[in-house]
């Protein structure tokens, strides 16, 4: 698995990482809301309330690895399994709105979870307390067909040398570790740095 040291960091990213981790710990009863910076308490409370309104098996801050695809994995904030249903929560601290519908990150998590659990209904939930516009909680439903189709695309991409550039290059580990010239050129063109 590609591991990346954060070279694009900064204060905002460090605060986001810290608040993100605290939100997961508060919902798992491993930390109190008092430990969260005051300007983030309302947002973390919103996340906690939304997650705790559900029933089922709760899995907090878990690293998932695909059984079917090498080097395909990621860490979820909160996953709730209830019978044949799965909800994947992602707490976002950024101001640019993140949508739950068609969210590749959430669909990837669902894909890996489907390899480990007998689930056929999936819900991706973005909780974003401070977006510049739009709703602070967004929910999307994904079908098993969507999840399977995504896994197939990832499996094909995993064995391909073709690199398709796009907005995903901004956070791609291959670009950040200077292993992808196409992504670096695209990033420079977009003004993200090389």
Protein backbone atom coordinates (compact mmCIF):
# COMPACT_ATOMS: atom_id res chain seq x y z
CA UNK A 1 0.00 0.00 0.00
CA UNK A 2 1.30 3.43 -0.85
CA UNK A 3 2.05 5.40 2.29
CA UNK A 4 2.36 9.13 2.07
CA UNK A 5 3.93 11.58 4.45
CA UNK A 6 1.84 14.74 4.46
CA UNK A 7 3.89 17.32 2.61
CA UNK A 8 0.93 19.57 1.80
CA UNK A 9 -0.01 20.07 5.46
CA UNK A 10 -0.36 23.21 7.39
CA UNK A 11 -2.34 24.43 10.34
CA UNK A 12 -5.77 23.82 8.76
CA UNK A 13 -4.93 20.22 7.92
CA UNK A 14 -3.51 19.58 11.39
CA UNK A 15 -6.61 21.04 13.05
CA UNK A 16 -8.83 19.01 10.71
CA UNK A 17 -7.00 15.78 11.49
CA UNK A 18 -7.15 16.44 15.22
CA UNK A 19 -10.86 17.37 15.24
CA UNK A 20 -11.68 14.46 12.95
CA UNK A 21 -10.02 11.99 15.33
CA UNK A 22 -11.65 13.57 18.37
CA UNK A 23 -15.09 13.34 16.74
CA UNK A 24 -14.60 9.59 16.28
CA UNK A 25 -13.39 9.21 19.86
CA UNK A 26 -16.35 11.18 21.26
CA UNK A 27 -18.89 9.07 19.34
CA UNK A 28 -17.10 5.91 20.59
CA UNK A 29 -17.17 7.24 24.21
CA UNK A 30 -13.36 7.33 24.31
CA UNK A 31 -13.23 11.12 24.77
CA UNK A 32 -15.54 13.85 25.98
CA UNK A 33 -16.92 16.80 24.10
CA UNK A 34 -14.94 19.03 26.48
CA UNK A 35 -11.73 17.82 24.79
CA UNK A 36 -12.87 19.22 21.42
CA UNK A 37 -11.81 22.80 20.57
CA UNK A 38 -14.69 25.11 21.41
CA UNK A 39 -15.27 26.30 17.84
CA UNK A 40 -15.81 22.67 16.75
CA UNK A 41 -18.01 21.39 19.60
CA UNK A 42 -21.33 22.05 17.86
CA UNK A 43 -20.13 20.26 14.71
CA UNK A 44 -18.81 17.27 16.64
CA UNK A 45 -22.04 17.13 18.65
CA UNK A 46 -24.00 17.09 15.37
CA UNK A 47 -21.86 14.15 14.17
CA UNK A 48 -22.28 12.27 17.47
CA UNK A 49 -26.07 12.82 17.52
CA UNK A 50 -26.47 11.65 13.92
CA UNK A 51 -24.37 8.51 14.43
CA UNK A 52 -25.94 7.59 17.78
CA UNK A 53 -29.46 7.86 16.33
CA UNK A 54 -28.74 4.52 14.60
CA UNK A 55 -28.78 0.94 15.84
CA UNK A 56 -26.55 -1.96 14.93
CA UNK A 57 -22.92 -2.99 15.20
CA UNK A 58 -20.69 0.10 15.42
CA UNK A 59 -17.15 -0.02 14.05
CA UNK A 60 -15.03 3.05 14.81
CA UNK A 61 -11.88 4.22 12.97
CA UNK A 62 -11.22 0.94 11.22
CA UNK A 63 -8.71 0.26 8.45
CA UNK A 64 -10.30 -1.89 5.73
CA UNK A 65 -8.34 -3.84 3.15
CA UNK A 66 -9.83 -5.38 0.08
CA UNK A 67 -9.70 -9.16 -0.10
CA UNK A 68 -9.99 -9.03 -3.90
CA UNK A 69 -7.74 -6.10 -4.89
CA UNK A 70 -4.14 -5.62 -3.81
CA UNK A 71 -3.23 -2.26 -2.27
CA UNK A 72 -6.86 -1.15 -1.98
CA UNK A 73 -7.74 0.02 1.50
CA UNK A 74 -8.71 2.92 3.68
CA UNK A 75 -9.79 3.97 7.16
CA UNK A 76 -13.43 4.70 7.90
CA UNK A 77 -14.63 7.01 10.66
CA UNK A 78 -17.75 5.13 11.71
CA UNK A 79 -19.46 2.14 10.13
CA UNK A 80 -22.80 0.82 11.32
CA UNK A 81 -23.91 -2.67 10.27
CA UNK A 82 -27.57 -3.48 10.90
CA UNK A 83 -28.69 -6.73 9.29
CA UNK A 84 -28.14 -6.41 5.54
CA UNK A 85 -27.67 -2.63 5.77
CA UNK A 86 -24.51 -0.60 6.19
CA UNK A 87 -24.02 3.10 6.91
CA UNK A 88 -20.57 4.64 6.39
CA UNK A 89 -20.02 7.99 8.10
CA UNK A 90 -17.32 10.44 7.12
CA UNK A 91 -16.74 13.58 9.19
CA UNK A 92 -15.40 16.45 7.08
CA UNK A 93 -13.81 19.58 8.52
CA UNK A 94 -13.21 21.46 5.26
CA UNK A 95 -15.28 24.37 3.98
CA UNK A 96 -15.63 23.17 0.37
CA UNK A 97 -18.86 21.12 0.25
CA UNK A 98 -18.46 17.38 -0.14
CA UNK A 99 -21.39 15.44 -1.57
CA UNK A 100 -22.36 11.94 -0.46
CA UNK A 101 -23.89 10.97 -3.80
CA UNK A 102 -21.32 9.48 -6.17
CA UNK A 103 -18.61 9.96 -3.53
CA UNK A 104 -15.76 7.68 -4.62
CA UNK A 105 -14.29 7.56 -1.12
CA UNK A 106 -17.56 6.36 0.44
CA UNK A 107 -18.26 3.93 -2.40
CA UNK A 108 -14.74 2.50 -2.01
CA UNK A 109 -15.32 1.96 1.70
CA UNK A 110 -18.66 0.26 0.95
CA UNK A 111 -16.93 -1.94 -1.61
CA UNK A 112 -14.42 -3.20 0.95
CA UNK A 113 -17.08 -3.63 3.66
CA UNK A 114 -19.17 -5.71 1.23
CA UNK A 115 -16.23 -8.12 0.99
CA UNK A 116 -16.31 -8.63 4.77
CA UNK A 117 -20.05 -8.54 5.57
CA UNK A 118 -23.22 -9.88 3.92
CA UNK A 119 -24.61 -6.43 3.12
CA UNK A 120 -26.68 -5.35 0.13
CA UNK A 121 -27.98 -1.90 1.16
CA UNK A 122 -25.44 0.88 1.62
CA UNK A 123 -25.69 4.44 2.85
CA UNK A 124 -22.89 6.97 2.65
CA UNK A 125 -23.16 9.86 5.09
CA UNK A 126 -21.10 13.04 5.01
CA UNK A 127 -21.25 15.20 8.12
CA UNK A 128 -19.63 18.54 7.35
CA UNK A 129 -20.30 21.20 10.01
CA UNK A 130 -18.80 24.18 8.15
CA UNK A 131 -19.44 23.97 4.40
CA UNK A 132 -19.41 27.24 2.44
CA UNK A 133 -22.91 26.34 1.19
CA UNK A 134 -25.39 23.48 1.24
CA UNK A 135 -26.50 20.97 3.82
CA UNK A 136 -24.29 20.00 6.73
CA UNK A 137 -25.42 16.35 6.62
CA UNK A 138 -25.70 14.58 3.28
CA UNK A 139 -26.87 10.99 2.80
CA UNK A 140 -26.72 8.88 -0.34
CA UNK A 141 -27.94 5.34 -0.94
CA UNK A 142 -25.81 2.97 -3.00
CA UNK A 143 -27.03 -0.30 -4.47
CA UNK A 144 -25.04 -3.52 -4.47
CA UNK A 145 -24.80 -3.20 -8.27
CA UNK A 146 -23.15 0.23 -7.89
CA UNK A 147 -20.71 -1.16 -5.31
CA UNK A 148 -19.84 -4.17 -7.47
CA UNK A 149 -19.36 -1.99 -10.58
CA UNK A 150 -17.05 0.32 -8.63
CA UNK A 151 -14.98 -2.63 -7.35
CA UNK A 152 -14.63 -3.88 -10.93
CA UNK A 153 -13.38 -0.47 -12.12
CA UNK A 154 -10.88 -0.32 -9.25
CA UNK A 155 -9.66 -3.86 -10.02
CA UNK A 156 -9.08 -2.92 -13.66
CA UNK A 157 -7.32 0.34 -12.71
CA UNK A 158 -5.15 -1.49 -10.17
CA UNK A 159 -3.45 -3.55 -12.89
CA UNK A 160 -3.31 -0.78 -15.50
CA UNK A 161 -0.37 1.53 -16.14
CA UNK A 162 -2.73 4.18 -17.54
CA UNK A 163 -3.17 7.15 -15.25
CA UNK A 164 -6.22 9.32 -15.87
CA UNK A 165 -5.80 12.86 -14.60
CA UNK A 166 -8.58 14.75 -12.86
CA UNK A 167 -9.50 16.51 -9.65
CA UNK A 168 -8.63 13.34 -7.74
CA UNK A 169 -4.96 14.11 -8.53
CA UNK A 170 -5.04 16.81 -5.84
CA UNK A 171 -4.84 14.17 -3.09
CA UNK A 172 -3.36 11.23 -4.98
CA UNK A 173 -0.47 9.52 -3.16
CA UNK A 174 1.31 8.88 -6.47
CA UNK A 175 1.47 12.62 -7.22
CA UNK A 176 2.37 13.56 -3.65
CA UNK A 177 5.28 11.09 -3.65
CA UNK A 178 6.33 12.31 -7.12
CA UNK A 179 5.60 8.97 -8.80
CA UNK A 180 3.15 10.37 -11.35
CA UNK A 181 4.32 12.96 -13.87
CA UNK A 182 0.85 13.26 -15.45
CA UNK A 183 -0.70 14.10 -12.08
CA UNK A 184 2.06 16.60 -11.30
CA UNK A 185 1.53 18.39 -14.64
CA UNK A 186 -2.24 18.46 -14.05
CA UNK A 187 -1.71 19.80 -10.50
CA UNK A 188 0.57 22.59 -11.73
CA UNK A 189 -1.97 23.51 -14.42
CA UNK A 190 -4.69 23.70 -11.75
CA UNK A 191 -2.43 25.73 -9.43
CA UNK A 192 -2.13 23.04 -6.73
CA UNK A 193 1.67 22.93 -6.82
CA UNK A 194 3.76 20.23 -8.47
